[in-house]
C-alpha atoms as a PDB file:
ATOM      1  CA  MET A   1      78.915 -35.843 -77.922  1.00  0.00           C
ATOM      2  CA  ASP A   2      77.673 -33.259 -80.482  1.00  0.00           C
ATOM      3  CA  SER A   3      75.393 -30.437 -79.199  1.00  0.00           C
ATOM      4  CA  ARG A   4      74.067 -30.287 -82.543  1.00  0.00           C
ATOM      5  CA  ALA A   5      72.503 -33.890 -82.561  1.00  0.00           C
ATOM      6  CA  TRP A   6      71.486 -33.034 -78.701  1.00  0.00           C
ATOM      7  CA  ASP A   7      69.830 -29.772 -80.156  1.00  0.00           C
ATOM      8  CA  GLU A   8      67.915 -31.615 -83.059  1.00  0.00           C
ATOM      9  CA  ARG A   9      66.757 -34.167 -80.149  1.00  0.00           C
ATOM     10  CA  TYR A  10      65.275 -31.642 -78.185  1.00  0.00           C
ATOM     11  CA  ALA A  11      63.483 -29.643 -80.820  1.00  0.00           C
ATOM     12  CA  ALA A  12      62.060 -32.771 -82.189  1.00  0.00           C
ATOM     13  CA  SER A  13      59.518 -33.388 -79.320  1.00  0.00           C
ATOM     14  CA  GLU A  14      58.364 -31.458 -76.252  1.00  0.00           C
ATOM     15  CA  LEU A  15      59.988 -31.957 -72.734  1.00  0.00           C
ATOM     16  CA  VAL A  16      62.077 -35.330 -73.866  1.00  0.00           C
ATOM     17  CA  TRP A  17      62.373 -36.389 -69.983  1.00  0.00           C
ATOM     18  CA  GLY A  18      59.380 -34.798 -68.466  1.00  0.00           C
ATOM     19  CA  THR A  19      58.620 -32.049 -65.821  1.00  0.00           C
ATOM     20  CA  GLY A  20      59.104 -34.035 -62.655  1.00  0.00           C
ATOM     21  CA  PRO A  21      62.587 -34.977 -61.329  1.00  0.00           C
ATOM     22  CA  ASN A  22      64.446 -38.262 -61.038  1.00  0.00           C
ATOM     23  CA  ARG A  23      62.870 -40.448 -58.691  1.00  0.00           C
ATOM     24  CA  TRP A  24      66.958 -41.095 -57.333  1.00  0.00           C
ATOM     25  CA  VAL A  25      68.128 -37.424 -57.480  1.00  0.00           C
ATOM     26  CA  VAL A  26      64.669 -37.339 -54.923  1.00  0.00           C
ATOM     27  CA  ARG A  27      65.645 -40.258 -52.858  1.00  0.00           C
ATOM     28  CA  GLU A  28      69.256 -39.468 -52.318  1.00  0.00           C
ATOM     29  CA  LEU A  29      68.783 -35.532 -51.900  1.00  0.00           C
ATOM     30  CA  ALA A  30      65.095 -34.712 -50.479  1.00  0.00           C
ATOM     31  CA  GLY A  31      67.161 -34.658 -46.587  1.00  0.00           C
ATOM     32  CA  LEU A  32      69.830 -32.365 -47.459  1.00  0.00           C
ATOM     33  CA  ALA A  33      69.865 -28.740 -46.062  1.00  0.00           C
ATOM     34  CA  PRO A  34      69.651 -26.491 -49.048  1.00  0.00           C
ATOM     35  CA  GLY A  35      73.110 -24.511 -50.283  1.00  0.00           C
ATOM     36  CA  ARG A  36      74.779 -24.081 -53.576  1.00  0.00           C
ATOM     37  CA  ALA A  37      73.995 -26.587 -56.423  1.00  0.00           C
ATOM     38  CA  LEU A  38      75.086 -27.585 -59.787  1.00  0.00           C
ATOM     39  CA  ASP A  39      72.676 -29.238 -62.242  1.00  0.00           C
ATOM     40  CA  LEU A  40      75.355 -30.779 -64.336  1.00  0.00           C
ATOM     41  CA  ALA A  41      74.346 -31.444 -68.212  1.00  0.00           C
ATOM     42  CA  ALA A  42      70.743 -30.216 -66.701  1.00  0.00           C
ATOM     43  CA  GLY A  43      68.758 -30.718 -70.200  1.00  0.00           C
ATOM     44  CA  GLU A  44      65.737 -29.206 -69.859  1.00  0.00           C
ATOM     45  CA  GLY A  45      66.046 -28.535 -66.118  1.00  0.00           C
ATOM     46  CA  ARG A  46      63.614 -31.239 -64.670  1.00  0.00           C
ATOM     47  CA  ASN A  47      66.287 -31.626 -61.276  1.00  0.00           C
ATOM     48  CA  GLY A  48      67.365 -28.481 -61.073  1.00  0.00           C
ATOM     49  CA  ILE A  49      64.191 -26.704 -61.076  1.00  0.00           C
ATOM     50  CA  TRP A  50      62.711 -29.314 -58.395  1.00  0.00           C
ATOM     51  CA  LEU A  51      66.315 -28.296 -56.178  1.00  0.00           C
ATOM     52  CA  ALA A  52      65.163 -24.654 -56.364  1.00  0.00           C
ATOM     53  CA  GLY A  53      61.690 -25.334 -54.981  1.00  0.00           C
ATOM     54  CA  LEU A  54      63.706 -26.894 -52.138  1.00  0.00           C
ATOM     55  CA  GLY A  55      65.392 -24.168 -51.429  1.00  0.00           C
ATOM     56  CA  TRP A  56      68.441 -24.933 -53.420  1.00  0.00           C
ATOM     57  CA  GLU A  57      70.776 -22.086 -55.255  1.00  0.00           C
ATOM     58  CA  VAL A  58      70.899 -23.807 -58.590  1.00  0.00           C
ATOM     59  CA  THR A  59      72.965 -23.331 -61.819  1.00  0.00           C
ATOM     60  CA  GLY A  60      72.156 -25.782 -64.558  1.00  0.00           C
ATOM     61  CA  LEU A  61      74.751 -25.999 -67.720  1.00  0.00           C
ATOM     62  CA  ASP A  62      73.888 -28.043 -70.359  1.00  0.00           C
ATOM     63  CA  PHE A  63      75.883 -27.735 -73.951  1.00  0.00           C
ATOM     64  CA  SER A  64      72.424 -28.088 -76.053  1.00  0.00           C
ATOM     65  CA  THR A  65      70.782 -24.400 -76.371  1.00  0.00           C
ATOM     66  CA  VAL A  66      67.631 -25.982 -77.117  1.00  0.00           C
ATOM     67  CA  ALA A  67      67.032 -27.484 -73.556  1.00  0.00           C
ATOM     68  CA  LEU A  68      68.259 -24.606 -72.100  1.00  0.00           C
ATOM     69  CA  GLY A  69      65.376 -22.705 -73.631  1.00  0.00           C
ATOM     70  CA  ARG A  70      63.011 -25.401 -72.801  1.00  0.00           C
ATOM     71  CA  ALA A  71      64.376 -24.865 -69.220  1.00  0.00           C
ATOM     72  CA  GLU A  72      64.164 -21.071 -68.887  1.00  0.00           C
ATOM     73  CA  ARG A  73      60.306 -21.395 -70.470  1.00  0.00           C
ATOM     74  CA  LEU A  74      59.862 -23.817 -67.839  1.00  0.00           C
ATOM     75  CA  THR A  75      61.512 -21.164 -64.732  1.00  0.00           C
ATOM     76  CA  ALA A  76      59.534 -18.425 -66.487  1.00  0.00           C
ATOM     77  CA  ALA A  77      56.017 -20.052 -64.784  1.00  0.00           C
ATOM     78  CA  LEU A  78      57.380 -20.909 -61.723  1.00  0.00           C
ATOM     79  CA  SER A  79      57.116 -17.834 -58.388  1.00  0.00           C
ATOM     80  CA  ASP A  80      59.539 -15.122 -58.989  1.00  0.00           C
ATOM     81  CA  GLU A  81      61.277 -16.478 -55.178  1.00  0.00           C
ATOM     82  CA  VAL A  82      61.886 -19.956 -56.654  1.00  0.00           C
ATOM     83  CA  ALA A  83      63.149 -18.611 -60.258  1.00  0.00           C
ATOM     84  CA  ASP A  84      65.490 -16.357 -58.516  1.00  0.00           C
ATOM     85  CA  ARG A  85      67.025 -19.121 -57.120  1.00  0.00           C
ATOM     86  CA  LEU A  86      67.692 -20.172 -60.622  1.00  0.00           C
ATOM     87  CA  THR A  87      70.345 -19.757 -63.589  1.00  0.00           C
ATOM     88  CA  TRP A  88      71.067 -21.635 -66.653  1.00  0.00           C
ATOM     89  CA  ARG A  89      74.141 -21.710 -68.511  1.00  0.00           C
ATOM     90  CA  HIS A  90      75.464 -23.062 -71.563  1.00  0.00           C
ATOM     91  CA  GLY A  91      78.681 -25.258 -71.290  1.00  0.00           C
ATOM     92  CA  ASP A  92      80.517 -28.298 -71.260  1.00  0.00           C
ATOM     93  CA  ALA A  93      80.427 -30.779 -68.880  1.00  0.00           C
ATOM     94  CA  ARG A  94      83.576 -31.903 -69.139  1.00  0.00           C
ATOM     95  CA  GLY A  95      85.881 -28.571 -69.216  1.00  0.00           C
ATOM     96  CA  PHE A  96      83.433 -26.044 -67.171  1.00  0.00           C
ATOM     97  CA  GLU A  97      85.333 -23.962 -64.289  1.00  0.00           C
ATOM     98  CA  ALA A  98      83.326 -23.689 -60.844  1.00  0.00           C
ATOM     99  CA  PRO A  99      83.298 -21.034 -58.616  1.00  0.00           C
ATOM    100  CA  PRO A 100      86.253 -20.802 -56.151  1.00  0.00           C
ATOM    101  CA  GLU A 101      83.753 -21.279 -53.429  1.00  0.00           C
ATOM    102  CA  GLY A 102      82.397 -24.426 -54.953  1.00  0.00           C
ATOM    103  CA  TYR A 103      78.995 -25.952 -54.618  1.00  0.00           C
ATOM    104  CA  ASP A 104      77.709 -27.857 -51.848  1.00  0.00           C
ATOM    105  CA  LEU A 105      76.037 -30.397 -54.176  1.00  0.00           C
ATOM    106  CA  VAL A 106      76.539 -31.455 -57.750  1.00  0.00           C
ATOM    107  CA  VAL A 107      73.761 -33.712 -59.852  1.00  0.00           C
ATOM    108  CA  VAL A 108      75.343 -35.705 -62.454  1.00  0.00           C
ATOM    109  CA  ALA A 109      72.005 -37.391 -64.102  1.00  0.00           C
ATOM    110  CA  TYR A 110      72.566 -39.218 -67.378  1.00  0.00           C
ATOM    111  CA  LEU A 111      75.577 -37.797 -68.484  1.00  0.00           C
ATOM    112  CA  GLN A 112      75.733 -40.881 -71.037  1.00  0.00           C
ATOM    113  CA  ILE A 113      79.081 -40.534 -73.106  1.00  0.00           C
ATOM    114  CA  PRO A 114      82.614 -41.890 -73.912  1.00  0.00           C
ATOM    115  CA  ALA A 115      84.289 -43.435 -71.023  1.00  0.00           C
ATOM    116  CA  GLU A 116      87.339 -40.926 -71.112  1.00  0.00           C
ATOM    117  CA  ASP A 117      84.714 -38.191 -71.590  1.00  0.00           C
ATOM    118  CA  ARG A 118      83.069 -38.869 -68.744  1.00  0.00           C
ATOM    119  CA  ARG A 119      85.982 -39.537 -66.344  1.00  0.00           C
ATOM    120  CA  ALA A 120      87.007 -36.169 -67.312  1.00  0.00           C
ATOM    121  CA  ALA A 121      83.198 -34.680 -66.670  1.00  0.00           C
ATOM    122  CA  LEU A 122      82.757 -36.705 -63.133  1.00  0.00           C
ATOM    123  CA  ARG A 123      86.230 -35.171 -62.287  1.00  0.00           C
ATOM    124  CA  ARG A 124      85.420 -32.016 -63.232  1.00  0.00           C
ATOM    125  CA  ALA A 125      82.369 -32.132 -60.751  1.00  0.00           C
ATOM    126  CA  ALA A 126      84.478 -33.690 -57.907  1.00  0.00           C
ATOM    127  CA  ALA A 127      86.821 -30.822 -57.934  1.00  0.00           C
ATOM    128  CA  ALA A 128      83.881 -28.747 -57.908  1.00  0.00           C
ATOM    129  CA  LEU A 129      82.237 -30.104 -54.562  1.00  0.00           C
ATOM    130  CA  ALA A 130      82.974 -27.648 -51.313  1.00  0.00           C
ATOM    131  CA  PRO A 131      83.878 -29.119 -48.210  1.00  0.00           C
ATOM    132  CA  GLY A 132      80.800 -31.258 -46.455  1.00  0.00           C
ATOM    133  CA  GLY A 133      79.400 -31.469 -50.198  1.00  0.00           C
ATOM    134  CA  THR A 134      77.614 -34.159 -51.782  1.00  0.00           C
ATOM    135  CA  LEU A 135      78.483 -35.828 -55.362  1.00  0.00           C
ATOM    136  CA  LEU A 136      75.207 -37.878 -56.865  1.00  0.00           C
ATOM    137  CA  VAL A 137      75.964 -39.580 -60.274  1.00  0.00           C
ATOM    138  CA  VAL A 138      73.306 -41.256 -62.056  1.00  0.00           C
ATOM    139  CA  GLY A 139      73.195 -43.145 -65.270  1.00  0.00           C
ATOM    140  CA  HIS A 140      71.884 -46.082 -67.568  1.00  0.00           C
ATOM    141  CA  ASP A 141      73.734 -48.970 -66.201  1.00  0.00           C
ATOM    142  CA  SER A 142      76.058 -50.726 -68.590  1.00  0.00           C
ATOM    143  CA  ALA A 143      73.323 -54.161 -67.378  1.00  0.00           C
ATOM    144  CA  ASN A 144      70.507 -52.021 -68.924  1.00  0.00           C
ATOM    145  CA  LEU A 145      71.799 -52.964 -72.302  1.00  0.00           C
ATOM    146  CA  THR A 146      70.016 -56.560 -71.909  1.00  0.00           C
ATOM    147  CA  GLU A 147      68.381 -56.461 -68.502  1.00  0.00           C
ATOM    148  CA  GLY A 148      66.257 -53.257 -69.171  1.00  0.00           C
ATOM    149  CA  VAL A 149      64.658 -51.267 -70.904  1.00  0.00           C
ATOM    150  CA  GLY A 150      65.047 -47.813 -72.498  1.00  0.00           C
ATOM    151  CA  GLY A 151      68.127 -45.843 -72.718  1.00  0.00           C
ATOM    152  CA  PRO A 152      71.059 -45.682 -75.678  1.00  0.00           C
ATOM    153  CA  PRO A 153      72.136 -48.587 -76.948  1.00  0.00           C
ATOM    154  CA  ASP A 154      75.471 -47.780 -77.560  1.00  0.00           C
ATOM    155  CA  PRO A 155      77.228 -50.059 -74.942  1.00  0.00           C
ATOM    156  CA  ALA A 156      80.694 -47.229 -75.039  1.00  0.00           C
ATOM    157  CA  VAL A 157      78.223 -44.762 -73.145  1.00  0.00           C
ATOM    158  CA  LEU A 158      77.025 -46.896 -70.490  1.00  0.00           C
ATOM    159  CA  TYR A 159      78.922 -47.546 -66.959  1.00  0.00           C
ATOM    160  CA  THR A 160      78.453 -49.064 -63.832  1.00  0.00           C
ATOM    161  CA  ALA A 161      79.125 -48.026 -59.936  1.00  0.00           C
ATOM    162  CA  GLU A 162      82.227 -49.530 -60.103  1.00  0.00           C
ATOM    163  CA  ASP A 163      83.449 -47.572 -63.591  1.00  0.00           C
ATOM    164  CA  VAL A 164      82.001 -44.033 -61.340  1.00  0.00           C
ATOM    165  CA  LEU A 165      84.199 -45.343 -58.443  1.00  0.00           C
ATOM    166  CA  ALA A 166      87.416 -46.116 -60.756  1.00  0.00           C
ATOM    167  CA  ASP A 167      86.823 -42.630 -62.438  1.00  0.00           C
ATOM    168  CA  LEU A 168      86.782 -40.541 -59.280  1.00  0.00           C
ATOM    169  CA  ALA A 169      89.760 -42.550 -57.745  1.00  0.00           C
ATOM    170  CA  GLY A 170      92.292 -40.112 -55.365  1.00  0.00           C
ATOM    171  CA  ALA A 171      89.600 -37.120 -55.678  1.00  0.00           C
ATOM    172  CA  GLY A 172      89.357 -37.506 -51.789  1.00  0.00           C
ATOM    173  CA  LEU A 173      85.421 -38.179 -51.760  1.00  0.00           C
ATOM    174  CA  ARG A 174      83.940 -40.702 -49.063  1.00  0.00           C
ATOM    175  CA  THR A 175      81.642 -43.162 -50.795  1.00  0.00           C
ATOM    176  CA  VAL A 176      77.810 -43.161 -49.255  1.00  0.00           C
ATOM    177  CA  ARG A 177      76.512 -45.421 -51.887  1.00  0.00           C
ATOM    178  CA  ALA A 178      77.411 -47.264 -54.616  1.00  0.00           C
ATOM    179  CA  GLU A 179      75.062 -49.365 -56.568  1.00  0.00           C
ATOM    180  CA  ARG A 180      73.256 -51.051 -59.221  1.00  0.00           C
ATOM    181  CA  VAL A 181      68.794 -50.231 -59.164  1.00  0.00           C
ATOM    182  CA  LEU A 182      65.805 -50.660 -60.924  1.00  0.00           C
ATOM    183  CA  ARG A 183      63.935 -48.089 -62.166  1.00  0.00           C
ATOM    184  CA  PRO A 184      60.059 -48.785 -63.301  1.00  0.00           C
ATOM    185  CA  VAL A 185      59.350 -46.573 -66.327  1.00  0.00           C
ATOM    186  CA  ALA A 186      56.260 -45.977 -66.169  1.00  0.00           C
ATOM    187  CA  ALA A 187      56.929 -43.490 -62.847  1.00  0.00           C
ATOM    188  CA  GLU A 188      58.583 -40.557 -64.681  1.00  0.00           C
ATOM    189  CA  THR A 189      58.562 -40.031 -68.694  1.00  0.00           C
ATOM    190  CA  GLY A 190      56.986 -42.304 -71.203  1.00  0.00           C
ATOM    191  CA  HIS A 191      59.402 -41.657 -73.610  1.00  0.00           C
ATOM    192  CA  ARG A 192      61.989 -44.888 -74.697  1.00  0.00           C
ATOM    193  CA  ASP A 193      64.614 -44.390 -76.732  1.00  0.00           C
ATOM    194  CA  ARG A 194      64.652 -47.332 -78.469  1.00  0.00           C
ATOM    195  CA  GLY A 195      61.231 -47.502 -79.894  1.00  0.00           C
ATOM    196  CA  GLY A 196      58.244 -49.492 -79.611  1.00  0.00           C
ATOM    197  CA  PRO A 197      55.814 -50.018 -76.590  1.00  0.00           C
ATOM    198  CA  GLU A 198      56.738 -49.708 -73.254  1.00  0.00           C
ATOM    199  CA  GLU A 199      55.657 -53.644 -71.291  1.00  0.00           C
ATOM    200  CA  ALA A 200      53.849 -53.840 -67.934  1.00  0.00           C
ATOM    201  CA  GLY A 201      56.006 -53.610 -64.936  1.00  0.00           C
ATOM    202  CA  ALA A 202      59.091 -52.959 -67.111  1.00  0.00           C
ATOM    203  CA  VAL A 203      62.220 -51.527 -65.429  1.00  0.00           C
ATOM    204  CA  ALA A 204      65.324 -49.965 -66.516  1.00  0.00           C
ATOM    205  CA  VAL A 205      68.469 -50.758 -64.663  1.00  0.00           C
ATOM    206  CA  ASP A 206      70.538 -47.404 -63.320  1.00  0.00           C
ATOM    207  CA  ALA A 207      73.636 -47.050 -61.744  1.00  0.00           C
ATOM    208  CA  LEU A 208      73.883 -44.695 -58.729  1.00  0.00           C
ATOM    209  CA  VAL A 209      76.891 -43.404 -56.785  1.00  0.00           C
ATOM    210  CA  ARG A 210      76.592 -41.094 -53.629  1.00  0.00           C
ATOM    211  CA  LEU A 211      79.614 -39.353 -52.664  1.00  0.00           C
ATOM    212  CA  GLU A 212      80.725 -36.927 -49.873  1.00  0.00           C
ATOM    213  CA  ARG A 213      83.460 -34.509 -49.604  1.00  0.00           C
ATOM    214  CA  PRO A 214      84.890 -34.629 -46.012  1.00  0.00           C
ATOM    215  CA  ALA A 215      84.109 -30.872 -44.182  1.00  0.00           C
END
Protein backbone atom coordinates (compact mmCIF):
# COMPACT_ATOMS: atom_id res chain seq x y z
CA MET A 1 0.00 0.00 0.00
CA ASP A 2 2.33 2.67 -1.37
CA SER A 3 0.99 6.15 -2.08
CA ARG A 4 3.94 6.91 -4.34
CA ALA A 5 3.13 3.91 -6.53
CA TRP A 6 -0.45 5.09 -6.87
CA ASP A 7 0.71 8.63 -7.64
CA GLU A 8 2.82 7.21 -10.46
CA ARG A 9 -0.06 5.13 -11.76
CA TYR A 10 -2.47 8.04 -11.83
CA ALA A 11 0.16 10.31 -13.39
CA ALA A 12 0.80 7.81 -16.20
CA SER A 13 -2.63 8.21 -17.81
CA GLU A 14 -5.64 10.46 -17.86
CA LEU A 15 -8.67 9.40 -15.79
CA VAL A 16 -7.70 5.84 -14.96
CA TRP A 17 -11.27 4.88 -14.02
CA GLY A 18 -13.25 7.25 -16.24
CA THR A 19 -15.73 9.89 -15.10
CA GLY A 20 -18.92 7.88 -14.73
CA PRO A 21 -19.84 6.32 -11.37
CA ASN A 22 -19.47 2.61 -10.70
CA ARG A 23 -22.59 0.70 -11.73
CA TRP A 24 -23.03 -0.91 -8.29
CA VAL A 25 -22.78 2.46 -6.56
CA VAL A 26 -25.58 3.70 -8.82
CA ARG A 27 -27.70 0.57 -8.36
CA GLU A 28 -27.46 0.55 -4.58
CA LEU A 29 -27.50 4.26 -3.72
CA ALA A 30 -29.59 6.12 -6.28
CA GLY A 31 -32.72 5.83 -4.14
CA LEU A 32 -31.26 7.01 -0.82
CA ALA A 33 -32.18 10.39 0.63
CA PRO A 34 -29.10 12.67 0.49
CA GLY A 35 -27.15 13.46 3.62
CA ARG A 36 -23.46 13.40 4.60
CA ALA A 37 -21.30 10.95 2.66
CA LEU A 38 -17.72 9.73 2.85
CA ASP A 39 -16.11 8.35 -0.31
CA LEU A 40 -13.24 6.34 1.13
CA ALA A 41 -10.30 5.72 -1.21
CA ALA A 42 -12.05 8.11 -3.60
CA GLY A 43 -9.44 8.02 -6.37
CA GLU A 44 -10.25 10.59 -9.05
CA GLY A 45 -13.63 11.25 -7.48
CA ARG A 46 -16.11 9.73 -9.93
CA ASN A 47 -18.43 8.27 -7.28
CA GLY A 48 -18.26 11.26 -4.97
CA ILE A 49 -19.01 13.66 -7.82
CA TRP A 50 -22.03 11.59 -8.81
CA LEU A 51 -23.30 11.60 -5.22
CA ALA A 52 -22.84 15.36 -4.95
CA GLY A 53 -24.95 15.75 -8.09
CA LEU A 54 -27.75 13.97 -6.23
CA GLY A 55 -27.52 16.39 -3.31
CA TRP A 56 -25.11 14.62 -0.97
CA GLU A 57 -22.53 16.58 1.02
CA VAL A 58 -19.47 14.50 0.13
CA THR A 59 -16.02 14.17 1.65
CA GLY A 60 -13.66 12.24 -0.61
CA LEU A 61 -10.52 10.81 1.00
CA ASP A 62 -7.56 9.27 -0.80
CA PHE A 63 -3.85 8.91 -0.16
CA SER A 64 -2.81 9.74 -3.73
CA THR A 65 -2.24 13.46 -4.16
CA VAL A 66 -2.27 13.00 -7.94
CA ALA A 67 -5.72 11.41 -7.84
CA LEU A 68 -7.02 14.16 -5.56
CA GLY A 69 -5.65 16.77 -7.94
CA ARG A 70 -7.67 15.15 -10.72
CA ALA A 71 -10.78 15.16 -8.51
CA GLU A 72 -10.30 18.84 -7.78
CA ARG A 73 -9.96 19.66 -11.49
CA LEU A 74 -13.16 17.74 -12.26
CA THR A 75 -14.89 19.58 -9.43
CA ALA A 76 -13.82 22.95 -10.85
CA ALA A 77 -15.79 22.17 -14.02
CA LEU A 78 -19.02 21.56 -12.10
CA SER A 79 -21.70 24.07 -11.24
CA ASP A 80 -21.06 25.98 -8.03
CA GLU A 81 -24.07 24.30 -6.43
CA VAL A 82 -22.59 20.83 -6.91
CA ALA A 83 -18.95 21.80 -6.39
CA ASP A 84 -19.77 23.35 -3.02
CA ARG A 85 -20.95 19.93 -1.80
CA LEU A 86 -17.54 18.34 -2.41
CA THR A 87 -14.52 18.32 -0.10
CA TRP A 88 -11.34 16.41 -1.00
CA ARG A 89 -8.96 15.27 1.74
CA HIS A 90 -5.59 13.57 1.67
CA GLY A 91 -5.49 10.66 4.12
CA ASP A 92 -5.12 6.95 4.78
CA ALA A 93 -8.24 4.76 4.80
CA ARG A 94 -6.75 2.71 7.64
CA GLY A 95 -6.45 5.60 10.08
CA PHE A 96 -8.74 8.52 9.21
CA GLU A 97 -10.73 10.33 11.88
CA ALA A 98 -14.46 10.76 11.28
CA PRO A 99 -16.30 13.81 12.64
CA PRO A 100 -18.35 13.20 15.82
CA GLU A 101 -21.65 13.35 13.94
CA GLY A 102 -20.52 10.62 11.55
CA TYR A 103 -21.75 10.00 8.01
CA ASP A 104 -25.08 8.88 6.62
CA LEU A 105 -23.25 6.99 3.88
CA VAL A 106 -19.76 5.53 3.53
CA VAL A 107 -18.64 4.14 0.17
CA VAL A 108 -15.58 1.90 -0.12
CA ALA A 109 -15.14 1.07 -3.80
CA TYR A 110 -12.21 -1.04 -5.04
CA LEU A 111 -9.92 -0.56 -2.09
CA GLN A 112 -7.72 -3.57 -2.87
CA ILE A 113 -5.22 -3.97 -0.04
CA PRO A 114 -3.97 -6.89 2.08
CA ALA A 115 -6.48 -8.47 4.45
CA GLU A 116 -5.17 -6.93 7.68
CA ASP A 117 -5.16 -3.43 6.17
CA ARG A 118 -8.59 -3.98 4.61
CA ARG A 119 -10.01 -5.04 7.96
CA ALA A 120 -8.63 -1.90 9.63
CA ALA A 121 -10.08 0.34 6.92
CA LEU A 122 -13.50 -1.32 6.94
CA ARG A 123 -13.81 -1.16 10.70
CA ARG A 124 -12.94 2.54 10.53
CA ALA A 125 -15.60 2.94 7.87
CA ALA A 126 -18.19 1.15 10.01
CA ALA A 127 -17.32 3.26 13.05
CA ALA A 128 -17.84 6.41 10.95
CA LEU A 129 -21.50 5.57 10.25
CA ALA A 130 -24.18 7.64 11.94
CA PRO A 131 -27.31 5.85 13.20
CA GLY A 132 -29.39 4.82 10.20
CA GLY A 133 -26.35 5.12 7.93
CA THR A 134 -25.38 2.88 5.01
CA LEU A 135 -22.02 1.28 4.28
CA LEU A 136 -21.42 0.07 0.72
CA VAL A 137 -18.32 -2.02 -0.02
CA VAL A 138 -17.52 -3.01 -3.60
CA GLY A 139 -14.32 -4.64 -4.81
CA HIS A 140 -12.68 -7.15 -7.11
CA ASP A 141 -13.81 -10.59 -5.93
CA SER A 142 -11.31 -13.39 -5.34
CA ALA A 143 -12.99 -15.31 -8.17
CA ASN A 144 -12.09 -12.53 -10.61
CA LEU A 145 -8.57 -13.92 -10.79
CA THR A 146 -9.76 -17.00 -12.68
CA GLU A 147 -13.29 -16.14 -13.82
CA GLY A 148 -13.17 -12.43 -14.70
CA VAL A 149 -11.12 -9.78 -16.46
CA GLY A 150 -9.20 -6.77 -15.21
CA GLY A 151 -8.41 -6.14 -11.59
CA PRO A 152 -5.22 -6.86 -9.63
CA PRO A 153 -3.45 -10.16 -10.35
CA ASP A 154 -2.44 -10.54 -6.68
CA PRO A 155 -4.83 -12.83 -4.75
CA ALA A 156 -3.69 -11.27 -1.47
CA VAL A 157 -5.63 -8.06 -2.23
CA LEU A 158 -8.79 -9.73 -3.53
CA TYR A 159 -11.68 -10.70 -1.28
CA THR A 160 -15.22 -12.04 -1.12
CA ALA A 161 -18.45 -10.73 0.37
CA GLU A 162 -17.99 -13.28 3.15
CA ASP A 163 -14.56 -11.79 3.92
CA VAL A 164 -16.14 -8.35 4.34
CA LEU A 165 -18.80 -9.71 6.68
CA ALA A 166 -16.09 -11.43 8.73
CA ASP A 167 -14.08 -8.20 8.86
CA LEU A 168 -17.10 -6.37 10.26
CA ALA A 169 -18.37 -9.03 12.66
CA GLY A 170 -19.41 -7.39 15.91
CA ALA A 171 -19.54 -3.89 14.42
CA GLY A 172 -23.28 -3.61 15.05
CA LEU A 173 -24.33 -3.43 11.39
CA ARG A 174 -27.25 -5.14 9.68
CA THR A 175 -26.56 -6.92 6.39
CA VAL A 176 -28.79 -5.75 3.54
CA ARG A 177 -26.95 -7.53 0.75
CA ALA A 178 -23.79 -9.64 0.43
CA GLU A 179 -23.18 -11.18 -2.96
CA ARG A 180 -20.91 -11.86 -5.91
CA VAL A 181 -21.91 -9.80 -8.97
CA LEU A 182 -20.82 -9.73 -12.62
CA ARG A 183 -19.87 -6.39 -14.15
CA PRO A 184 -19.69 -6.01 -17.95
CA VAL A 185 -16.36 -4.27 -18.51
CA ALA A 186 -17.57 -2.28 -21.52
CA ALA A 187 -20.12 -0.54 -19.29
CA GLU A 188 -17.43 1.48 -17.56
CA THR A 189 -13.85 2.28 -18.48
CA GLY A 190 -11.82 0.44 -21.10
CA HIS A 191 -8.88 0.33 -18.67
CA ARG A 192 -7.58 -3.15 -17.98
CA ASP A 193 -5.01 -3.82 -15.27
CA ARG A 194 -3.61 -6.97 -16.84
CA GLY A 195 -3.13 -5.53 -20.32
CA GLY A 196 -4.28 -6.90 -23.65
CA PRO A 197 -7.50 -6.33 -25.59
CA GLU A 198 -10.89 -6.75 -23.98
CA GLU A 199 -13.02 -9.58 -25.36
CA ALA A 200 -16.59 -8.96 -26.46
CA GLY A 201 -18.94 -9.79 -23.61
CA ALA A 202 -16.16 -9.92 -21.02
CA VAL A 203 -17.15 -9.47 -17.39
CA ALA A 204 -15.41 -8.72 -14.12
CA VAL A 205 -16.38 -10.53 -10.92
CA ASP A 206 -17.04 -8.17 -8.01
CA ALA A 207 -17.85 -8.59 -4.33
CA LEU A 208 -20.69 -6.36 -3.11
CA VAL A 209 -21.76 -5.83 0.49
CA ARG A 210 -24.33 -3.32 1.70
CA LEU A 211 -24.90 -2.85 5.42
CA GLU A 212 -26.82 -0.46 7.66
CA ARG A 213 -26.36 0.82 11.18
CA PRO A 214 -29.69 0.60 13.01
CA ALA A 215 -31.30 3.97 13.66
